[in-house]
Amino acid sequence: MDLTGDPTGFSSPLGQLVVLAALLTSLVLLLRWWWQNRGKG
């Protein structure tokens, strides 16, 4: 699988890091929202 012509930048370590950080951030926000809603009920 050749990723040298990848326009999204996923082939570079920096691109993977950005994607990983975005996933972790969304996961943390989702957990916090769920935890707050759980506490109210």
Protein backbone atom coordinates (compact mmCIF):
# COMPACT_ATOMS: atom_id res chain seq x y z
CA MET A 1 0.00 0.00 0.00
CA ASP A 2 1.70 3.15 -1.24
CA LEU A 3 0.88 6.32 0.71
CA THR A 4 3.42 8.66 -0.89
CA GLY A 5 0.68 10.39 -2.88
CA ASP A 6 -1.66 10.72 0.08
CA PRO A 7 -3.38 14.15 -0.09
CA THR A 8 -4.78 13.93 3.46
CA GLY A 9 -1.34 13.71 5.09
CA PHE A 10 -2.07 10.50 7.00
CA SER A 11 1.20 9.03 5.74
CA SER A 12 3.22 11.52 7.79
CA PRO A 13 3.77 11.00 11.54
CA LEU A 14 2.48 14.52 12.18
CA GLY A 15 -0.79 13.77 10.41
CA GLN A 16 -1.26 10.60 12.43
CA LEU A 17 -0.53 12.52 15.62
CA VAL A 18 -3.11 15.17 14.76
CA VAL A 19 -5.75 12.52 14.03
CA LEU A 20 -4.92 10.67 17.24
CA ALA A 21 -5.14 13.88 19.29
CA ALA A 22 -8.51 14.73 17.73
CA LEU A 23 -9.88 11.26 18.52
CA LEU A 24 -8.65 11.43 22.12
CA THR A 25 -10.12 14.92 22.58
CA SER A 26 -13.54 13.90 21.24
CA LEU A 27 -13.48 10.78 23.43
CA VAL A 28 -12.67 12.80 26.56
CA LEU A 29 -15.41 15.34 25.79
CA LEU A 30 -17.91 12.54 25.19
CA LEU A 31 -16.99 10.86 28.48
CA ARG A 32 -17.27 14.14 30.40
CA TRP A 33 -20.70 14.89 28.88
CA TRP A 34 -21.91 11.37 29.62
CA TRP A 35 -20.58 11.53 33.19
CA GLN A 36 -22.36 14.85 33.86
CA ASN A 37 -25.66 13.58 32.44
CA ARG A 38 -25.30 10.39 34.48
CA GLY A 39 -24.78 12.35 37.67
CA LYS A 40 -27.97 14.37 37.20
CA GLY A 41 -30.17 11.31 36.80
